[in-house]
PDB file of N, CA and C in Angstrom:
ATOM      1  N   MET A   1     -89.346 -69.730   5.743  1.00  0.00           N
ATOM      2  CA  MET A   1     -88.708 -69.222   4.520  1.00  0.00           C
ATOM      3  C   MET A   1     -87.512 -70.108   4.133  1.00  0.00           C
ATOM      4  N   TRP A   2     -87.462 -70.423   2.871  1.00  0.00           N
ATOM      5  CA  TRP A   2     -86.359 -71.279   2.397  1.00  0.00           C
ATOM      6  C   TRP A   2     -85.236 -70.435   1.810  1.00  0.00           C
ATOM      7  N   SER A   3     -84.010 -70.832   2.089  1.00  0.00           N
ATOM      8  CA  SER A   3     -82.857 -70.109   1.535  1.00  0.00           C
ATOM      9  C   SER A   3     -82.537 -70.621   0.131  1.00  0.00           C
ATOM     10  N   THR A   4     -82.077 -69.729  -0.698  1.00  0.00           N
ATOM     11  CA  THR A   4     -81.751 -70.130  -2.080  1.00  0.00           C
ATOM     12  C   THR A   4     -80.675 -71.213  -2.074  1.00  0.00           C
ATOM     13  N   SER A   5     -79.681 -71.020  -1.228  1.00  0.00           N
ATOM     14  CA  SER A   5     -78.580 -71.991  -1.153  1.00  0.00           C
ATOM     15  C   SER A   5     -79.115 -73.366  -0.766  1.00  0.00           C
ATOM     16  N   GLN A   6     -79.991 -73.387   0.238  1.00  0.00           N
ATOM     17  CA  GLN A   6     -80.544 -74.660   0.695  1.00  0.00           C
ATOM     18  C   GLN A   6     -81.400 -75.283  -0.403  1.00  0.00           C
ATOM     19  N   LEU A   7     -82.153 -74.442  -1.098  1.00  0.00           N
ATOM     20  CA  LEU A   7     -83.024 -74.941  -2.163  1.00  0.00           C
ATOM     21  C   LEU A   7     -82.194 -75.556  -3.276  1.00  0.00           C
ATOM     22  N   VAL A   8     -81.134 -74.846  -3.651  1.00  0.00           N
ATOM     23  CA  VAL A   8     -80.256 -75.342  -4.723  1.00  0.00           C
ATOM     24  C   VAL A   8     -79.623 -76.659  -4.306  1.00  0.00           C
ATOM     25  N   ARG A   9     -79.209 -76.727  -3.050  1.00  0.00           N
ATOM     26  CA  ARG A   9     -78.537 -77.938  -2.551  1.00  0.00           C
ATOM     27  C   ARG A   9     -79.513 -79.110  -2.598  1.00  0.00           C
ATOM     28  N   LYS A  10     -80.747 -78.868  -2.186  1.00  0.00           N
ATOM     29  CA  LYS A  10     -81.735 -79.944  -2.171  1.00  0.00           C
ATOM     30  C   LYS A  10     -82.055 -80.365  -3.618  1.00  0.00           C
ATOM     31  N   TYR A  11     -82.134 -79.381  -4.488  1.00  0.00           N
ATOM     32  CA  TYR A  11     -82.438 -79.672  -5.899  1.00  0.00           C
ATOM     33  C   TYR A  11     -81.288 -80.466  -6.517  1.00  0.00           C
ATOM     34  N   SER A  12     -80.070 -80.039  -6.198  1.00  0.00           N
ATOM     35  CA  SER A  12     -78.880 -80.721  -6.730  1.00  0.00           C
ATOM     36  C   SER A  12     -78.876 -82.189  -6.294  1.00  0.00           C
ATOM     37  N   ALA A  13     -79.207 -82.412  -5.031  1.00  0.00           N
ATOM     38  CA  ALA A  13     -79.240 -83.783  -4.504  1.00  0.00           C
ATOM     39  C   ALA A  13     -80.295 -84.595  -5.244  1.00  0.00           C
ATOM     40  N   LEU A  14     -81.429 -83.971  -5.514  1.00  0.00           N
ATOM     41  CA  LEU A  14     -82.510 -84.674  -6.217  1.00  0.00           C
ATOM     42  C   LEU A  14     -82.081 -85.036  -7.633  1.00  0.00           C
ATOM     43  N   ILE A  15     -81.448 -84.095  -8.294  1.00  0.00           N
ATOM     44  CA  ILE A  15     -80.992 -84.338  -9.678  1.00  0.00           C
ATOM     45  C   ILE A  15     -79.939 -85.441  -9.670  1.00  0.00           C
ATOM     46  N   HIS A  16     -79.040 -85.395  -8.711  1.00  0.00           N
ATOM     47  CA  HIS A  16     -77.978 -86.405  -8.622  1.00  0.00           C
ATOM     48  C   HIS A  16     -78.596 -87.783  -8.411  1.00  0.00           C
ATOM     49  N   PHE A  17     -79.583 -87.839  -7.552  1.00  0.00           N
ATOM     50  CA  PHE A  17     -80.252 -89.114  -7.256  1.00  0.00           C
ATOM     51  C   PHE A  17     -80.935 -89.649  -8.511  1.00  0.00           C
ATOM     52  N   ASN A  18     -81.601 -88.753  -9.236  1.00  0.00           N
ATOM     53  CA  ASN A  18     -82.293 -89.152 -10.463  1.00  0.00           C
ATOM     54  C   ASN A  18     -81.294 -89.636 -11.506  1.00  0.00           C
ATOM     55  N   SER A  19     -80.152 -88.969 -11.568  1.00  0.00           N
ATOM     56  CA  SER A  19     -79.127 -89.339 -12.556  1.00  0.00           C
ATOM     57  C   SER A  19     -78.581 -90.728 -12.239  1.00  0.00           C
ATOM     58  N   ARG A  20     -78.424 -91.002 -10.969  1.00  0.00           N
ATOM     59  CA  ARG A  20     -77.883 -92.303 -10.546  1.00  0.00           C
ATOM     60  C   ARG A  20     -78.903 -93.413 -10.814  1.00  0.00           C
ATOM     61  N   LYS A  21     -80.171 -93.077 -10.735  1.00  0.00           N
ATOM     62  CA  LYS A  21     -81.226 -94.094 -10.948  1.00  0.00           C
ATOM     63  C   LYS A  21     -81.238 -94.561 -12.400  1.00  0.00           C
ATOM     64  N   GLU A  22     -80.950 -93.630 -13.325  1.00  0.00           N
ATOM     65  CA  GLU A  22     -81.010 -93.982 -14.746  1.00  0.00           C
ATOM     66  C   GLU A  22     -79.798 -94.774 -15.178  1.00  0.00           C
TER      67      GLU A  22
END
């Protein structure tokens, strides 16, 4: 089971990475 906090953190990291790529 995934925690909401962990999911948000992972999503945030992904978005940040994508933002840096552009």
